[in-house]
PDB file of N, CA and C in Angstrom:
ATOM      1  N   MET A   1      11.197   1.685  18.736  1.00  0.00           N
ATOM      2  CA  MET A   1      10.099   1.056  18.037  1.00  0.00           C
ATOM      3  C   MET A   1       9.585  -0.263  17.522  1.00  0.00           C
ATOM      4  N   GLY A   2       8.113  -0.212  17.136  1.00  0.00           N
ATOM      5  CA  GLY A   2       7.605  -1.282  17.101  1.00  0.00           C
ATOM      6  C   GLY A   2       8.176  -2.228  15.684  1.00  0.00           C
ATOM      7  N   GLU A   3       7.641  -3.518  16.273  1.00  0.00           N
ATOM      8  CA  GLU A   3       8.023  -4.508  14.911  1.00  0.00           C
ATOM      9  C   GLU A   3       7.489  -4.072  13.498  1.00  0.00           C
ATOM     10  N   ASP A   4       6.387  -3.587  14.062  1.00  0.00           N
ATOM     11  CA  ASP A   4       5.211  -3.093  12.940  1.00  0.00           C
ATOM     12  C   ASP A   4       5.806  -1.783  11.769  1.00  0.00           C
ATOM     13  N   ILE A   5       7.006  -0.872  12.301  1.00  0.00           N
ATOM     14  CA  ILE A   5       7.387  -0.360  11.024  1.00  0.00           C
ATOM     15  C   ILE A   5       8.435  -0.507  11.048  1.00  0.00           C
ATOM     16  N   ILE A   6       8.810  -0.016   9.434  1.00  0.00           N
ATOM     17  CA  ILE A   6      10.217  -0.482   8.952  1.00  0.00           C
ATOM     18  C   ILE A   6      10.470   1.285   8.838  1.00  0.00           C
ATOM     19  N   ASN A   7      11.711   1.252   8.867  1.00  0.00           N
ATOM     20  CA  ASN A   7      12.730   2.361   8.531  1.00  0.00           C
ATOM     21  C   ASN A   7      13.281   2.925   7.182  1.00  0.00           C
ATOM     22  N   MET A   8      12.956   3.608   7.226  1.00  0.00           N
ATOM     23  CA  MET A   8      13.163   3.761   5.603  1.00  0.00           C
ATOM     24  C   MET A   8      14.216   4.621   5.377  1.00  0.00           C
ATOM     25  N   GLU A   9      14.858   4.692   3.678  1.00  0.00           N
ATOM     26  CA  GLU A   9      15.563   5.955   3.778  1.00  0.00           C
ATOM     27  C   GLU A   9      15.091   7.130   4.231  1.00  0.00           C
ATOM     28  N   ARG A  10      15.639   7.721   4.336  1.00  0.00           N
ATOM     29  CA  ARG A  10      15.675   9.175   5.023  1.00  0.00           C
ATOM     30  C   ARG A  10      15.089   9.628   6.178  1.00  0.00           C
ATOM     31  N   LYS A  11      14.969   8.296   6.692  1.00  0.00           N
ATOM     32  CA  LYS A  11      14.170   7.652   7.710  1.00  0.00           C
ATOM     33  C   LYS A  11      12.817   8.148   7.857  1.00  0.00           C
ATOM     34  N   LYS A  12      12.536   8.398   6.990  1.00  0.00           N
ATOM     35  CA  LYS A  12      10.416   7.761   6.284  1.00  0.00           C
ATOM     36  C   LYS A  12      10.592   6.384   7.338  1.00  0.00           C
ATOM     37  N   MET A  13       8.999   6.283   7.930  1.00  0.00           N
ATOM     38  CA  MET A  13       8.894   5.582   8.747  1.00  0.00           C
ATOM     39  C   MET A  13       7.155   4.662   8.094  1.00  0.00           C
ATOM     40  N   ILE A  14       7.344   3.063   7.956  1.00  0.00           N
ATOM     41  CA  ILE A  14       6.118   3.263   6.689  1.00  0.00           C
ATOM     42  C   ILE A  14       5.818   2.097   7.634  1.00  0.00           C
ATOM     43  N   SER A  15       4.822   2.109   7.409  1.00  0.00           N
ATOM     44  CA  SER A  15       4.171   0.452   8.093  1.00  0.00           C
ATOM     45  C   SER A  15       3.883  -0.949   7.265  1.00  0.00           C
ATOM     46  N   LYS A  16       4.763  -1.631   8.534  1.00  0.00           N
ATOM     47  CA  LYS A  16       5.524  -2.941   7.442  1.00  0.00           C
ATOM     48  C   LYS A  16       4.328  -3.885   7.155  1.00  0.00           C
ATOM     49  N   LYS A  17       2.557  -3.588   7.850  1.00  0.00           N
ATOM     50  CA  LYS A  17       1.907  -4.298   7.580  1.00  0.00           C
ATOM     51  C   LYS A  17       0.982  -3.619   6.429  1.00  0.00           C
ATOM     52  N   GLU A  18       0.790  -2.148   6.215  1.00  0.00           N
ATOM     53  CA  GLU A  18       0.273  -1.558   4.967  1.00  0.00           C
ATOM     54  C   GLU A  18       1.759  -1.506   3.553  1.00  0.00           C
ATOM     55  N   LEU A  19       2.710  -2.325   3.917  1.00  0.00           N
ATOM     56  CA  LEU A  19       3.437  -2.788   2.966  1.00  0.00           C
ATOM     57  C   LEU A  19       3.588  -3.466   2.724  1.00  0.00           C
ATOM     58  N   GLU A  20       2.934  -4.605   3.427  1.00  0.00           N
ATOM     59  CA  GLU A  20       2.729  -5.985   2.903  1.00  0.00           C
ATOM     60  C   GLU A  20       1.197  -6.108   2.336  1.00  0.00           C
ATOM     61  N   ILE A  21       0.224  -5.295   2.701  1.00  0.00           N
ATOM     62  CA  ILE A  21      -0.874  -5.439   1.776  1.00  0.00           C
ATOM     63  C   ILE A  21      -0.800  -4.591   0.778  1.00  0.00           C
ATOM     64  N   GLY A  22       0.082  -3.457   0.520  1.00  0.00           N
ATOM     65  CA  GLY A  22       0.484  -2.584  -0.998  1.00  0.00           C
ATOM     66  C   GLY A  22       1.085  -4.165  -1.498  1.00  0.00           C
ATOM     67  N   THR A  23       2.273  -4.505  -0.876  1.00  0.00           N
ATOM     68  CA  THR A  23       2.818  -5.238  -2.243  1.00  0.00           C
ATOM     69  C   THR A  23       1.942  -6.507  -3.086  1.00  0.00           C
ATOM     70  N   LYS A  24       1.602  -6.806  -1.970  1.00  0.00           N
ATOM     71  CA  LYS A  24       0.233  -7.691  -2.635  1.00  0.00           C
ATOM     72  C   LYS A  24      -0.315  -7.477  -3.372  1.00  0.00           C
ATOM     73  N   ILE A  25      -1.066  -5.995  -3.830  1.00  0.00           N
ATOM     74  CA  ILE A  25      -2.408  -5.632  -4.380  1.00  0.00           C
ATOM     75  C   ILE A  25      -1.306  -5.386  -5.308  1.00  0.00           C
ATOM     76  N   GLU A  26      -0.168  -4.382  -5.885  1.00  0.00           N
ATOM     77  CA  GLU A  26       0.541  -4.035  -6.392  1.00  0.00           C
ATOM     78  C   GLU A  26       0.813  -5.598  -7.541  1.00  0.00           C
ATOM     79  N   LYS A  27       1.163  -6.784  -7.040  1.00  0.00           N
ATOM     80  CA  LYS A  27       1.772  -8.293  -7.436  1.00  0.00           C
ATOM     81  C   LYS A  27       0.032  -8.603  -7.981  1.00  0.00           C
ATOM     82  N   GLU A  28      -0.764  -8.338  -7.323  1.00  0.00           N
ATOM     83  CA  GLU A  28      -1.748  -9.243  -7.860  1.00  0.00           C
ATOM     84  C   GLU A  28      -2.607  -7.950  -9.551  1.00  0.00           C
ATOM     85  N   GLU A  29      -2.792  -6.881  -8.781  1.00  0.00           N
ATOM     86  CA  GLU A  29      -2.733  -5.967  -9.880  1.00  0.00           C
ATOM     87  C   GLU A  29      -2.047  -6.302 -11.689  1.00  0.00           C
ATOM     88  N   HIS A  30      -0.928  -5.761 -11.011  1.00  0.00           N
ATOM     89  CA  HIS A  30      -0.333  -5.462 -12.585  1.00  0.00           C
ATOM     90  C   HIS A  30       0.934  -6.872 -12.786  1.00  0.00           C
ATOM     91  N   GLY A  31       0.809  -8.134 -11.925  1.00  0.00           N
ATOM     92  CA  GLY A  31       1.630  -9.181 -12.511  1.00  0.00           C
ATOM     93  C   GLY A  31       3.263  -8.750 -11.947  1.00  0.00           C
ATOM     94  N   TYR A  32       4.017  -7.765 -11.440  1.00  0.00           N
ATOM     95  CA  TYR A  32       5.664  -7.108 -11.294  1.00  0.00           C
ATOM     96  C   TYR A  32       5.418  -8.324 -10.127  1.00  0.00           C
ATOM     97  N   SER A  33       6.834  -8.646 -10.199  1.00  0.00           N
ATOM     98  CA  SER A  33       7.523  -9.775  -9.278  1.00  0.00           C
ATOM     99  C   SER A  33       7.611  -8.919  -7.628  1.00  0.00           C
ATOM    100  N   ASN A  34       8.055  -9.375  -6.628  1.00  0.00           N
ATOM    101  CA  ASN A  34       7.776  -9.366  -5.029  1.00  0.00           C
ATOM    102  C   ASN A  34       8.747  -7.932  -4.990  1.00  0.00           C
ATOM    103  N   ILE A  35       9.928  -7.720  -5.789  1.00  0.00           N
ATOM    104  CA  ILE A  35      10.474  -6.852  -5.901  1.00  0.00           C
ATOM    105  C   ILE A  35      10.061  -5.030  -6.275  1.00  0.00           C
ATOM    106  N   ILE A  36       9.875  -5.604  -7.143  1.00  0.00           N
ATOM    107  CA  ILE A  36       9.142  -4.132  -8.120  1.00  0.00           C
ATOM    108  C   ILE A  36       7.720  -3.455  -6.980  1.00  0.00           C
ATOM    109  N   SER A  37       6.765  -4.948  -7.145  1.00  0.00           N
ATOM    110  CA  SER A  37       5.593  -4.159  -6.490  1.00  0.00           C
ATOM    111  C   SER A  37       5.911  -3.324  -5.037  1.00  0.00           C
ATOM    112  N   ARG A  38       6.556  -4.160  -4.029  1.00  0.00           N
ATOM    113  CA  ARG A  38       7.158  -3.826  -3.125  1.00  0.00           C
ATOM    114  C   ARG A  38       8.256  -2.283  -3.236  1.00  0.00           C
ATOM    115  N   LYS A  39       8.759  -2.477  -4.916  1.00  0.00           N
ATOM    116  CA  LYS A  39       9.293  -0.509  -5.047  1.00  0.00           C
ATOM    117  C   LYS A  39       8.066  -0.116  -4.955  1.00  0.00           C
ATOM    118  N   ILE A  40       6.644   0.148  -5.436  1.00  0.00           N
ATOM    119  CA  ILE A  40       6.045   0.872  -6.312  1.00  0.00           C
ATOM    120  C   ILE A  40       4.923   1.048  -4.459  1.00  0.00           C
ATOM    121  N   ALA A  41       4.837  -0.208  -3.752  1.00  0.00           N
ATOM    122  CA  ALA A  41       3.570  -0.288  -2.938  1.00  0.00           C
ATOM    123  C   ALA A  41       5.091   0.644  -1.677  1.00  0.00           C
ATOM    124  N   THR A  42       5.760   1.111  -1.430  1.00  0.00           N
ATOM    125  CA  THR A  42       7.201   1.895  -1.148  1.00  0.00           C
ATOM    126  C   THR A  42       7.055   3.391  -0.906  1.00  0.00           C
ATOM    127  N   ASP A  43       7.025   3.139  -2.411  1.00  0.00           N
ATOM    128  CA  ASP A  43       6.638   4.782  -3.100  1.00  0.00           C
ATOM    129  C   ASP A  43       5.236   5.593  -2.719  1.00  0.00           C
ATOM    130  N   HIS A  44       4.559   4.746  -2.776  1.00  0.00           N
ATOM    131  CA  HIS A  44       2.961   5.152  -2.749  1.00  0.00           C
ATOM    132  C   HIS A  44       3.061   5.946  -1.212  1.00  0.00           C
ATOM    133  N   ILE A  45       3.527   4.331  -0.258  1.00  0.00           N
ATOM    134  CA  ILE A  45       3.419   4.794   0.879  1.00  0.00           C
ATOM    135  C   ILE A  45       3.753   6.222   1.914  1.00  0.00           C
ATOM    136  N   LYS A  46       4.850   6.422   1.166  1.00  0.00           N
ATOM    137  CA  LYS A  46       6.396   7.441   1.223  1.00  0.00           C
ATOM    138  C   LYS A  46       5.143   8.604   0.770  1.00  0.00           C
ATOM    139  N   GLU A  47       4.392   8.792  -0.145  1.00  0.00           N
ATOM    140  CA  GLU A  47       3.665   9.954  -0.070  1.00  0.00           C
ATOM    141  C   GLU A  47       2.161  10.099   0.928  1.00  0.00           C
ATOM    142  N   PHE A  48       1.496   8.752   0.939  1.00  0.00           N
ATOM    143  CA  PHE A  48       0.705   8.676   1.374  1.00  0.00           C
ATOM    144  C   PHE A  48       0.025   7.520   3.087  1.00  0.00           C
ATOM    145  N   PRO A  49       0.936   7.844   3.606  1.00  0.00           N
ATOM    146  CA  PRO A  49       1.186   6.616   4.774  1.00  0.00           C
ATOM    147  C   PRO A  49      -0.287   5.691   4.294  1.00  0.00           C
ATOM    148  N   LYS A  50      -1.231   5.664   4.711  1.00  0.00           N
ATOM    149  CA  LYS A  50      -2.450   4.847   4.658  1.00  0.00           C
ATOM    150  C   LYS A  50      -3.052   4.462   3.419  1.00  0.00           C
ATOM    151  N   TYR A  51      -1.922   4.617   2.078  1.00  0.00           N
ATOM    152  CA  TYR A  51      -2.325   4.915   1.278  1.00  0.00           C
ATOM    153  C   TYR A  51      -3.481   3.590   0.375  1.00  0.00           C
ATOM    154  N   TYR A  52      -3.301   2.552   1.088  1.00  0.00           N
ATOM    155  CA  TYR A  52      -3.659   1.295   1.133  1.00  0.00           C
ATOM    156  C   TYR A  52      -5.368   1.424   1.308  1.00  0.00           C
ATOM    157  N   THR A  53      -4.807   1.537   2.743  1.00  0.00           N
ATOM    158  CA  THR A  53      -6.289   0.821   4.392  1.00  0.00           C
ATOM    159  C   THR A  53      -7.044   1.908   4.378  1.00  0.00           C
ATOM    160  N   ASP A  54      -6.458   3.587   4.595  1.00  0.00           N
ATOM    161  CA  ASP A  54      -7.473   4.274   5.015  1.00  0.00           C
ATOM    162  C   ASP A  54      -8.619   4.092   4.554  1.00  0.00           C
ATOM    163  N   LYS A  55      -9.495   4.105   5.267  1.00  0.00           N
ATOM    164  CA  LYS A  55     -10.876   3.791   5.732  1.00  0.00           C
ATOM    165  C   LYS A  55     -11.589   4.786   4.451  1.00  0.00           C
ATOM    166  N   LYS A  56     -11.656   5.865   4.247  1.00  0.00           N
ATOM    167  CA  LYS A  56     -12.324   6.908   3.274  1.00  0.00           C
ATOM    168  C   LYS A  56     -11.452   6.869   2.459  1.00  0.00           C
ATOM    169  N   TYR A  57     -10.318   6.856   2.727  1.00  0.00           N
ATOM    170  CA  TYR A  57      -9.590   7.759   1.176  1.00  0.00           C
ATOM    171  C   TYR A  57      -8.316   6.130   0.348  1.00  0.00           C
ATOM    172  N   GLY A  58      -7.946   5.682   1.107  1.00  0.00           N
ATOM    173  CA  GLY A  58      -7.467   4.366   0.793  1.00  0.00           C
ATOM    174  C   GLY A  58      -7.729   3.191  -0.584  1.00  0.00           C
ATOM    175  N   LEU A  59      -7.330   3.076  -1.346  1.00  0.00           N
ATOM    176  CA  LEU A  59      -7.597   2.348  -2.291  1.00  0.00           C
ATOM    177  C   LEU A  59      -8.420   1.404  -2.494  1.00  0.00           C
ATOM    178  N   ILE A  60      -8.229   0.423  -1.202  1.00  0.00           N
ATOM    179  CA  ILE A  60      -9.162  -0.344  -0.945  1.00  0.00           C
ATOM    180  C   ILE A  60     -10.913  -0.112  -0.634  1.00  0.00           C
ATOM    181  N   ALA A  61     -10.780   0.871  -0.266  1.00  0.00           N
ATOM    182  CA  ALA A  61     -11.879   1.655  -0.088  1.00  0.00           C
ATOM    183  C   ALA A  61     -12.257   2.174  -1.489  1.00  0.00           C
ATOM    184  N   ILE A  62     -11.519   2.808  -1.932  1.00  0.00           N
ATOM    185  CA  ILE A  62     -11.572   3.315  -2.952  1.00  0.00           C
ATOM    186  C   ILE A  62     -12.500   2.426  -4.790  1.00  0.00           C
ATOM    187  N   GLU A  63     -11.468   1.417  -4.402  1.00  0.00           N
ATOM    188  CA  GLU A  63     -12.120  -0.042  -5.279  1.00  0.00           C
ATOM    189  C   GLU A  63     -13.195   0.076  -4.928  1.00  0.00           C
ATOM    190  N   LYS A  64     -13.994  -0.644  -3.749  1.00  0.00           N
ATOM    191  CA  LYS A  64     -15.105  -0.802  -2.894  1.00  0.00           C
ATOM    192  C   LYS A  64     -16.360   0.299  -3.348  1.00  0.00           C
ATOM    193  N   LYS A  65     -15.986   0.877  -3.438  1.00  0.00           N
ATOM    194  CA  LYS A  65     -17.257   2.100  -3.818  1.00  0.00           C
ATOM    195  C   LYS A  65     -17.100   2.030  -5.422  1.00  0.00           C
ATOM    196  N   MET A  66     -15.809   1.801  -5.671  1.00  0.00           N
ATOM    197  CA  MET A  66     -16.067   1.389  -7.870  1.00  0.00           C
ATOM    198  C   MET A  66     -17.204   0.653  -7.959  1.00  0.00           C
ATOM    199  N   LYS A  67     -17.174  -0.950  -7.649  1.00  0.00           N
ATOM    200  CA  LYS A  67     -17.264  -1.529  -7.856  1.00  0.00           C
ATOM    201  C   LYS A  67     -18.950  -1.645  -7.109  1.00  0.00           C
ATOM    202  N   LYS A  68     -19.397  -0.583  -6.103  1.00  0.00           N
ATOM    203  CA  LYS A  68     -20.674  -0.832  -5.629  1.00  0.00           C
ATOM    204  C   LYS A  68     -21.304   0.448  -6.830  1.00  0.00           C
ATOM    205  N   ARG A  69     -20.664   0.917  -7.577  1.00  0.00           N
ATOM    206  CA  ARG A  69     -21.201   2.202  -8.188  1.00  0.00           C
ATOM    207  C   ARG A  69     -21.865   0.879  -9.983  1.00  0.00           C
ATOM    208  N   LYS A  70     -21.005   0.463 -10.140  1.00  0.00           N
ATOM    209  CA  LYS A  70     -20.921  -0.772 -11.474  1.00  0.00           C
ATOM    210  C   LYS A  70     -22.436  -1.777 -10.824  1.00  0.00           C
ATOM    211  N   SER A  71     -22.082  -2.124 -10.108  1.00  0.00           N
ATOM    212  CA  SER A  71     -23.831  -2.791  -9.956  1.00  0.00           C
ATOM    213  C   SER A  71     -25.269  -2.298  -9.940  1.00  0.00           C
TER     214      SER A  71
END
């Protein structure tokens, strides 16, 4: 396994990069500790592996689209 993959409980595999991005986003948006932010990001990524970075449906893409609509 590559360095960019983290083995999670129940052998669910998630991207280390996705987790780092998600943890940062959750901490910035909600002000939680790193531990809580990482847990929230992990839960999201387990359900949708590219929850934050999917180019069409990820959180980052959706938020960019919403900001464009506001303008």
